[in-house]
């Protein structure tokens, strides 16, 4: 895999449905030279599963931290 030109950082907290929509939008982009980092601030919904469902479609990494406002900050 080529080195990404830029990184898309998505902070999230219990927004799995909106996260799915955002990731679908990234899949639809014609330019593919980017990576995605999802920074989860302790979600208790299925945000991890949503992110993992895009492993084959995007160069994506998921970071989960306990809720303290850190990853989104």
Foldseek 3Di string as FASTA:
>chain_A
DDAAPEEAEAEDAQPQVVLLVVVVVLLPDPDQRYAYEYEYQAHPDCNVVSQVVCVVRGNYDYHYDHHDCPSVD
